[in-house]
Amino acid sequence: MAREKTNGLYLSVPSFFKCPISMDVMKSPVSLCTGVTYDRASIQKWLDSGHNTCPATMQVLQSTDVVPNLTLRRLIRVWSDSYLLRPESHASFNNHLALESLKKLISSEQTENLSLGTLSSIVNFAKLSVENTESLAKIDGFVPLMARIFKISNEIEVIELVIVVLDLISPEKGVKEQLIRLNSDDASLSSFSVVLQRGGLEARISAARVLESLAAFDNESRRIIADQCILLKELYHLTNSEADWTAVEAGLSALIAVSTSRQTKKEIVRLGIVRTAGKILSGPENSVTVIEKVMKILEMVSTCTEGRTAISEDENCVSAVVKRLLKVSPAATEHGIGVIWSLCYMSRDRTAQESAMRNNGLTKVLLVMQSNCSGTVRQMCGELVKIFRVNSKSCLASYETRTTHITPY
């Protein structure tokens, strides 16, 4: 099995598929009278330069005629169409050949029935490098092909592989515009539901990411997705995947992108997002991106009555938000202040105020005020301080006393 390294694309190439002269996979294999096969262009160049020997054996040629090796040609065609990529081989092959093979598959009459092996090869090909995903995205008809297969296939294994491919190429230029058609009808939305309900974890994460991309890119797509209660339910379930925080983050990101309307916020509150958020914040998880997204989604739902009520009634939520202030990131802190401000200032929720004060909320808010926060957050902090002063003069006096003690004489 011959190996070569070109452009970071990995594949083992059978040695007899390669021309002994150019060492590239042969496009038009022909044989000399010695029985050795070469690529037509390479051997013709050798003969035209005046040589009368076989390059491999150095035998003098009795005839310079070449005979097409049709059997080998068919084998190379089958191999290039079906064996695009095997990363476990730790070898690589010609980028141009891989892309040409994909183009032939796309232009064939049976592209909507791509085998699992071919789809797996495409997934592996895309995972190897950014250059590979760029190359796939640029192939004319590739994204529409994946979209068609995603919509019409009734095989969960096929749908899983396609959604992983779409997730990998979605950041590339022009792909999101083409992906908008994915959720334009019930068939596409049904496929998303199938993946989220029955797919493996990797496919479910990819489905969430693609939905996030669509929702963030187009308002109409966001509305269509948000109207599907089953999708919201499955994305919420993803946020409960405690064994895999990548899945939790993907679910949170998708819900954040989708949940801009009051109705959607009410629905995810009903599903239990506040309870889940409080559990995550109260636990040992220290992933900055996960905590930021938890704080963000709590801030979003705190803008509706149902969300504020759920946060106030949850035994962990308010105290956990206050405890996480200034311990994660500036973004998480600002989202946390937004949550506390909505409950304690806007709603004047007595339960939330008491919970915040019990967890040293006044001191935390004053410290945030003195940090490099945004003007809006600084204003929120000022309004919270006023509320806390009214409700806890003793706490404020304690804070002022401590401040006096550290003042130099």
Protein backbone atom coordinates (compact mmCIF):
# COMPACT_ATOMS: atom_id res chain seq x y z
CA MET A 1 0.00 0.00 0.00
CA ALA A 2 1.68 3.20 -1.15
CA ARG A 3 1.45 6.41 0.85
CA GLU A 4 1.96 10.05 0.03
CA LYS A 5 1.32 13.35 1.83
CA THR A 6 -0.46 16.12 -0.03
CA ASN A 7 -2.57 18.99 1.38
CA GLY A 8 -3.33 17.13 4.62
CA LEU A 9 -5.95 14.79 3.05
CA TYR A 10 -5.59 11.26 4.38
CA LEU A 11 -5.88 8.05 2.38
CA SER A 12 -3.94 4.89 1.57
CA VAL A 13 -3.35 4.45 -2.16
CA PRO A 14 -2.79 0.94 -3.58
CA SER A 15 0.68 0.95 -5.12
CA PHE A 16 -0.48 -0.56 -8.41
CA PHE A 17 -2.85 2.43 -8.86
CA LYS A 18 0.16 4.75 -9.07
CA CYS A 19 2.19 5.44 -12.18
CA PRO A 20 5.83 4.25 -11.75
CA ILE A 21 6.99 7.47 -13.42
CA SER A 22 4.88 10.25 -11.88
CA MET A 23 3.94 8.35 -8.68
CA ASP A 24 0.44 9.83 -9.00
CA VAL A 25 -2.79 7.83 -9.25
CA MET A 26 -3.23 6.95 -12.91
CA LYS A 27 -6.00 8.65 -14.87
CA SER A 28 -5.54 6.65 -18.08
CA PRO A 29 -3.56 3.46 -17.39
CA VAL A 30 -1.89 1.84 -20.41
CA SER A 31 0.48 -1.15 -20.64
CA LEU A 32 3.70 -1.63 -22.61
CA CYS A 33 4.74 -4.89 -24.24
CA THR A 34 6.77 -5.64 -21.07
CA GLY A 35 3.52 -5.88 -19.11
CA VAL A 36 4.22 -2.81 -16.94
CA THR A 37 1.39 -0.26 -16.71
CA TYR A 38 1.90 3.50 -16.72
CA ASP A 39 -0.27 6.60 -16.91
CA ARG A 40 -0.67 7.43 -20.61
CA ALA A 41 0.60 11.01 -20.31
CA SER A 42 3.74 9.96 -18.43
CA ILE A 43 4.78 7.09 -20.68
CA GLN A 44 4.02 9.05 -23.81
CA LYS A 45 6.30 11.84 -22.60
CA TRP A 46 9.03 9.23 -21.92
CA LEU A 47 8.74 7.74 -25.40
CA ASP A 48 8.51 11.11 -27.13
CA SER A 49 11.81 12.11 -25.54
CA GLY A 50 13.55 9.35 -27.55
CA HIS A 51 13.73 6.50 -25.05
CA ASN A 52 13.21 2.94 -26.32
CA THR A 53 13.25 1.15 -22.99
CA CYS A 54 10.72 0.32 -20.28
CA PRO A 55 11.29 2.83 -17.43
CA ALA A 56 10.63 0.25 -14.72
CA THR A 57 12.60 -2.74 -16.08
CA MET A 58 14.94 -0.93 -18.50
CA GLN A 59 14.22 -3.66 -21.08
CA VAL A 60 14.53 -2.62 -24.73
CA LEU A 61 11.05 -2.33 -26.16
CA GLN A 62 10.22 -4.54 -29.13
CA SER A 63 7.25 -2.21 -29.75
CA THR A 64 6.32 1.24 -28.47
CA ASP A 65 2.62 0.57 -28.82
CA VAL A 66 0.54 0.97 -25.65
CA VAL A 67 -2.61 -0.95 -24.75
CA PRO A 68 -5.31 0.56 -22.47
CA ASN A 69 -5.58 -1.38 -19.19
CA LEU A 70 -9.37 -1.22 -18.90
CA THR A 71 -9.57 -3.53 -15.89
CA LEU A 72 -7.21 -1.38 -13.84
CA ARG A 73 -9.01 1.75 -15.01
CA ARG A 74 -12.32 0.41 -13.70
CA LEU A 75 -10.73 -0.56 -10.39
CA ILE A 76 -9.30 2.94 -9.93
CA ARG A 77 -12.67 4.50 -10.72
CA VAL A 78 -14.50 2.31 -8.21
CA TRP A 79 -11.84 2.96 -5.58
CA SER A 80 -11.84 6.74 -6.07
CA ASP A 81 -15.65 6.87 -5.88
CA SER A 82 -16.12 4.71 -2.79
CA TYR A 83 -12.86 4.98 -0.85
CA LEU A 84 -12.44 8.72 -0.54
CA LEU A 85 -11.04 8.65 2.96
CA ARG A 86 -9.80 6.32 5.68
CA PRO A 87 -8.17 8.36 8.47
CA GLU A 88 -7.00 5.27 10.32
CA SER A 89 -4.50 4.62 7.54
CA HIS A 90 -2.46 7.68 8.59
CA ALA A 91 -1.60 8.26 4.94
CA SER A 92 -2.85 10.75 2.43
CA PHE A 93 -3.64 11.23 -1.18
CA ASN A 94 -4.16 13.77 -3.90
CA ASN A 95 -6.63 16.52 -2.99
CA HIS A 96 -7.67 17.04 -6.58
CA LEU A 97 -8.62 13.37 -6.97
CA ALA A 98 -10.76 13.42 -3.82
CA LEU A 99 -12.66 16.50 -4.92
CA GLU A 100 -13.10 15.22 -8.44
CA SER A 101 -14.51 11.97 -7.04
CA LEU A 102 -16.99 13.91 -4.93
CA LYS A 103 -18.04 15.99 -7.91
CA LYS A 104 -18.70 12.82 -9.91
CA LEU A 105 -20.86 11.46 -7.09
CA ILE A 106 -22.83 14.69 -6.88
CA SER A 107 -23.47 14.84 -10.61
CA SER A 108 -24.55 11.19 -10.86
CA GLU A 109 -28.19 10.20 -11.14
CA GLN A 110 -28.18 8.30 -7.84
CA THR A 111 -26.61 10.87 -5.54
CA GLU A 112 -29.59 10.86 -3.19
CA ASN A 113 -28.78 7.22 -2.39
CA LEU A 114 -25.19 7.72 -1.26
CA SER A 115 -23.96 4.76 0.74
CA LEU A 116 -23.16 4.98 4.43
CA GLY A 117 -19.53 4.28 3.55
CA THR A 118 -19.35 7.24 1.20
CA LEU A 119 -21.06 9.55 3.69
CA SER A 120 -18.69 8.39 6.42
CA SER A 121 -15.78 9.14 4.11
CA ILE A 122 -17.08 12.65 3.52
CA VAL A 123 -17.43 13.23 7.27
CA ASN A 124 -13.88 12.04 7.92
CA PHE A 125 -12.60 14.11 5.01
CA ALA A 126 -14.24 17.26 6.44
CA LYS A 127 -12.94 16.64 9.97
CA LEU A 128 -9.31 16.57 8.94
CA SER A 129 -8.77 20.26 8.23
CA VAL A 130 -10.38 23.64 7.66
CA GLU A 131 -9.09 23.49 4.09
CA ASN A 132 -11.13 20.34 3.51
CA THR A 133 -14.36 21.88 4.75
CA GLU A 134 -13.72 24.91 2.55
CA SER A 135 -13.20 22.64 -0.44
CA LEU A 136 -16.45 20.77 0.22
CA ALA A 137 -18.45 23.96 0.65
CA LYS A 138 -17.16 25.28 -2.67
CA ILE A 139 -18.26 22.24 -4.70
CA ASP A 140 -21.25 23.29 -6.80
CA GLY A 141 -24.35 21.46 -5.63
CA PHE A 142 -22.81 19.88 -2.54
CA VAL A 143 -24.85 21.76 0.10
CA PRO A 144 -28.17 21.33 -1.79
CA LEU A 145 -27.36 17.62 -2.17
CA MET A 146 -26.82 17.22 1.57
CA ALA A 147 -30.04 19.16 2.20
CA ARG A 148 -32.02 16.87 -0.12
CA ILE A 149 -30.65 13.72 1.48
CA PHE A 150 -31.36 15.13 4.93
CA LYS A 151 -34.98 15.80 4.01
CA ILE A 152 -35.90 12.63 2.13
CA SER A 153 -33.92 9.88 3.86
CA ASN A 154 -35.71 7.65 6.34
CA GLU A 155 -32.53 6.01 7.62
CA ILE A 156 -31.34 7.43 10.93
CA GLU A 157 -27.71 6.51 10.18
CA VAL A 158 -27.80 8.52 6.94
CA ILE A 159 -29.45 11.54 8.55
CA GLU A 160 -26.89 11.49 11.38
CA LEU A 161 -23.94 11.58 8.99
CA VAL A 162 -25.48 14.33 6.85
CA ILE A 163 -26.17 16.61 9.81
CA VAL A 164 -22.57 16.16 11.01
CA VAL A 165 -21.35 17.20 7.54
CA LEU A 166 -23.63 20.24 7.54
CA ASP A 167 -22.39 21.22 10.99
CA LEU A 168 -18.77 20.99 9.85
CA ILE A 169 -19.25 23.13 6.74
CA SER A 170 -21.79 25.62 8.13
CA PRO A 171 -19.15 28.24 9.12
CA GLU A 172 -17.94 28.47 5.52
CA LYS A 173 -18.90 31.45 3.38
CA GLY A 174 -22.26 31.13 1.65
CA VAL A 175 -23.30 27.90 3.36
CA LYS A 176 -25.79 29.42 5.81
CA GLU A 177 -27.67 31.06 2.95
CA GLN A 178 -28.08 27.66 1.31
CA LEU A 179 -28.97 25.98 4.58
CA ILE A 180 -31.96 28.24 5.09
CA ARG A 181 -33.91 25.84 2.88
CA LEU A 182 -33.34 23.13 5.45
CA ASN A 183 -36.15 24.31 7.72
CA SER A 184 -38.47 25.61 5.04
CA ASP A 185 -40.83 22.64 5.21
CA ASP A 186 -42.12 19.95 7.54
CA ALA A 187 -39.83 17.29 6.08
CA SER A 188 -36.68 19.11 7.15
CA LEU A 189 -38.02 19.93 10.60
CA SER A 190 -39.07 16.31 10.98
CA SER A 191 -35.50 15.19 10.22
CA PHE A 192 -34.14 17.52 12.89
CA SER A 193 -36.62 16.02 15.35
CA VAL A 194 -35.61 12.49 14.41
CA VAL A 195 -31.92 13.23 14.98
CA LEU A 196 -32.52 14.97 18.29
CA GLN A 197 -34.77 12.17 19.52
CA ARG A 198 -33.05 9.06 18.18
CA GLY A 199 -29.56 10.08 17.05
CA GLY A 200 -26.26 9.54 18.77
CA LEU A 201 -24.75 12.29 20.89
CA GLU A 202 -22.45 13.63 18.15
CA ALA A 203 -25.34 13.94 15.70
CA ARG A 204 -27.57 15.59 18.31
CA ILE A 205 -24.87 18.14 19.06
CA SER A 206 -24.47 18.83 15.34
CA ALA A 207 -28.23 19.23 14.91
CA ALA A 208 -28.32 21.76 17.74
CA ARG A 209 -25.44 23.71 16.20
CA VAL A 210 -27.07 23.81 12.76
CA LEU A 211 -30.35 24.99 14.28
CA GLU A 212 -28.43 27.68 16.16
CA SER A 213 -26.78 28.82 12.91
CA LEU A 214 -30.11 29.02 11.12
CA ALA A 215 -31.83 30.87 13.97
CA ALA A 216 -29.00 33.37 14.37
CA PHE A 217 -28.76 34.01 10.63
CA ASP A 218 -32.39 34.53 9.67
CA ASN A 219 -35.37 35.89 11.61
CA GLU A 220 -37.91 33.81 9.71
CA SER A 221 -35.91 30.65 10.37
CA ARG A 222 -35.79 31.56 14.05
CA ARG A 223 -39.56 31.92 14.13
CA ILE A 224 -40.15 28.62 12.34
CA ILE A 225 -37.85 26.73 14.68
CA ALA A 226 -39.29 28.38 17.78
CA ASP A 227 -42.81 27.36 16.72
CA GLN A 228 -41.82 23.68 16.89
CA CYS A 229 -42.36 22.63 20.50
CA ILE A 230 -40.75 19.25 19.87
CA LEU A 231 -37.50 20.93 18.81
CA LEU A 232 -37.49 23.16 21.89
CA LYS A 233 -38.14 20.12 24.07
CA GLU A 234 -35.26 18.13 22.56
CA LEU A 235 -32.86 21.07 22.74
CA TYR A 236 -33.80 21.46 26.39
CA HIS A 237 -33.11 17.75 26.97
CA LEU A 238 -29.65 18.31 25.51
CA THR A 239 -28.93 20.84 28.28
CA ASN A 240 -29.40 18.01 30.80
CA SER A 241 -26.58 15.89 29.32
CA GLU A 242 -24.43 16.13 32.43
CA ALA A 243 -22.06 13.48 31.11
CA ASP A 244 -21.05 15.69 28.18
CA TRP A 245 -20.68 19.44 28.66
CA THR A 246 -20.20 19.95 24.94
CA ALA A 247 -23.78 18.76 24.50
CA VAL A 248 -24.97 21.04 27.31
CA GLU A 249 -23.28 24.02 25.68
CA ALA A 250 -24.73 23.16 22.25
CA GLY A 251 -28.23 22.92 23.70
CA LEU A 252 -27.90 26.20 25.59
CA SER A 253 -26.50 28.01 22.55
CA ALA A 254 -29.36 26.84 20.35
CA LEU A 255 -32.00 27.84 22.91
CA ILE A 256 -30.40 31.27 23.30
CA ALA A 257 -30.49 31.79 19.52
CA VAL A 258 -34.10 30.65 19.26
CA SER A 259 -35.68 32.13 22.40
CA THR A 260 -36.15 35.78 21.53
CA SER A 261 -39.95 35.96 21.67
CA ARG A 262 -41.93 36.06 24.90
CA GLN A 263 -43.86 32.94 23.90
CA THR A 264 -40.67 30.93 23.38
CA LYS A 265 -39.24 32.12 26.67
CA LYS A 266 -42.41 31.01 28.42
CA GLU A 267 -42.16 27.59 26.76
CA ILE A 268 -38.55 26.90 27.80
CA VAL A 269 -39.39 28.06 31.33
CA ARG A 270 -42.27 25.58 31.32
CA LEU A 271 -39.89 22.85 30.16
CA GLY A 272 -37.65 23.52 33.17
CA ILE A 273 -34.71 25.59 31.94
CA VAL A 274 -34.59 27.60 35.18
CA ARG A 275 -34.33 24.47 37.30
CA THR A 276 -31.59 23.11 35.04
CA ALA A 277 -29.70 26.41 35.11
CA GLY A 278 -29.85 26.57 38.89
CA LYS A 279 -28.56 23.02 39.14
CA ILE A 280 -25.61 23.78 36.84
CA LEU A 281 -24.69 26.98 38.68
CA SER A 282 -24.90 25.22 42.05
CA GLY A 283 -22.71 22.36 40.87
CA PRO A 284 -18.94 22.05 40.39
CA GLU A 285 -18.90 22.90 36.67
CA ASN A 286 -16.37 25.64 35.96
CA SER A 287 -16.44 25.83 32.16
CA VAL A 288 -16.48 29.55 31.38
CA THR A 289 -18.50 29.18 28.19
CA VAL A 290 -21.13 26.95 29.83
CA ILE A 291 -21.57 29.27 32.84
CA GLU A 292 -21.74 32.32 30.57
CA LYS A 293 -24.51 30.70 28.54
CA VAL A 294 -26.41 29.63 31.67
CA MET A 295 -26.27 33.23 32.96
CA LYS A 296 -27.31 34.51 29.54
CA ILE A 297 -30.36 32.30 29.24
CA LEU A 298 -31.44 33.20 32.80
CA GLU A 299 -31.12 36.87 31.92
CA MET A 300 -33.27 36.30 28.83
CA VAL A 301 -36.09 34.49 30.65
CA SER A 302 -35.98 37.01 33.51
CA THR A 303 -37.50 39.55 31.11
CA CYS A 304 -40.85 37.72 31.25
CA THR A 305 -43.10 37.25 34.27
CA GLU A 306 -43.04 33.46 34.10
CA GLY A 307 -39.25 33.44 34.03
CA ARG A 308 -38.90 35.76 37.02
CA THR A 309 -41.37 33.70 38.99
CA ALA A 310 -39.53 30.47 38.24
CA ILE A 311 -36.17 31.98 39.19
CA SER A 312 -37.54 33.36 42.44
CA GLU A 313 -39.18 30.07 43.38
CA ASP A 314 -36.14 27.93 42.59
CA GLU A 315 -34.22 27.24 45.77
CA ASN A 316 -30.82 27.39 44.03
CA CYS A 317 -31.08 29.97 41.31
CA VAL A 318 -30.73 33.43 42.85
CA SER A 319 -28.15 32.40 45.45
CA ALA A 320 -26.13 30.55 42.79
CA VAL A 321 -26.17 33.57 40.46
CA VAL A 322 -24.93 35.86 43.24
CA LYS A 323 -22.19 33.42 44.28
CA ARG A 324 -20.92 33.18 40.69
CA LEU A 325 -20.61 36.97 40.28
CA LEU A 326 -16.99 38.06 39.67
CA LYS A 327 -15.82 34.42 39.69
CA VAL A 328 -16.26 33.40 36.04
CA SER A 329 -15.85 36.18 33.46
CA PRO A 330 -16.96 39.77 32.84
CA ALA A 331 -19.67 38.51 30.49
CA ALA A 332 -21.05 36.06 33.05
CA THR A 333 -21.01 38.79 35.73
CA GLU A 334 -22.93 41.23 33.53
CA HIS A 335 -25.55 38.61 32.67
CA GLY A 336 -25.83 37.78 36.38
CA ILE A 337 -26.39 41.42 37.28
CA GLY A 338 -29.13 41.49 34.64
CA VAL A 339 -30.88 38.58 36.35
CA ILE A 340 -30.66 40.10 39.82
CA TRP A 341 -31.75 43.52 38.55
CA SER A 342 -34.85 42.06 36.83
CA LEU A 343 -35.98 40.30 40.00
CA CYS A 344 -34.85 42.62 42.78
CA TYR A 345 -35.33 46.02 41.15
CA MET A 346 -37.84 45.71 38.33
CA SER A 347 -40.13 43.18 40.03
CA ARG A 348 -39.30 44.13 43.63
CA ASP A 349 -39.38 40.40 44.40
CA ARG A 350 -38.95 40.17 48.16
CA THR A 351 -37.86 36.51 48.11
CA ALA A 352 -35.16 37.23 45.53
CA GLN A 353 -33.97 40.32 47.46
CA GLU A 354 -33.61 38.33 50.68
CA SER A 355 -31.78 35.51 48.91
CA ALA A 356 -29.37 37.98 47.30
CA MET A 357 -28.69 39.72 50.60
CA ARG A 358 -28.09 36.44 52.42
CA ASN A 359 -25.35 35.67 49.91
CA ASN A 360 -23.52 38.99 50.33
CA GLY A 361 -25.28 40.46 47.30
CA LEU A 362 -24.74 44.08 48.30
CA THR A 363 -20.98 43.71 48.54
CA LYS A 364 -20.85 41.86 45.23
CA VAL A 365 -22.91 44.53 43.49
CA LEU A 366 -20.72 47.31 44.89
CA LEU A 367 -17.62 45.50 43.67
CA VAL A 368 -19.12 45.12 40.20
CA MET A 369 -19.85 48.86 40.19
CA GLN A 370 -16.19 49.54 40.80
CA SER A 371 -15.06 47.17 38.06
CA ASN A 372 -14.66 47.91 34.37
CA CYS A 373 -18.29 47.07 33.59
CA SER A 374 -20.48 48.66 30.94
CA GLY A 375 -22.43 51.83 31.64
CA THR A 376 -25.74 49.97 31.54
CA VAL A 377 -24.57 47.42 34.11
CA ARG A 378 -23.15 50.15 36.32
CA GLN A 379 -26.56 51.87 36.28
CA MET A 380 -28.27 48.57 37.18
CA CYS A 381 -25.85 48.13 40.07
CA GLY A 382 -26.65 51.63 41.35
CA GLU A 383 -30.37 50.87 41.30
CA LEU A 384 -29.77 47.57 43.10
CA VAL A 385 -27.75 49.31 45.81
CA LYS A 386 -30.68 51.64 46.46
CA ILE A 387 -33.02 48.67 46.82
CA PHE A 388 -30.66 46.85 49.16
CA ARG A 389 -30.20 50.01 51.26
CA VAL A 390 -33.92 50.31 51.78
CA ASN A 391 -34.32 46.66 52.70
CA SER A 392 -31.21 46.17 54.80
CA LYS A 393 -29.82 49.24 56.55
CA SER A 394 -27.82 47.05 58.88
CA CYS A 395 -26.10 45.37 55.98
CA LEU A 396 -25.20 48.73 54.47
CA ALA A 397 -23.94 49.98 57.83
CA SER A 398 -21.78 46.89 58.12
CA TYR A 399 -20.33 47.53 54.68
CA GLU A 400 -19.62 51.22 55.52
CA THR A 401 -18.01 50.22 58.80
CA ARG A 402 -15.67 47.82 57.08
CA THR A 403 -14.83 50.51 54.56
CA THR A 404 -13.98 52.93 57.38
CA HIS A 405 -11.73 50.37 59.09
CA ILE A 406 -9.52 49.97 56.04
CA THR A 407 -9.14 53.73 55.57
CA PRO A 408 -5.61 54.84 56.58
CA TYR A 409 -5.39 57.18 59.58
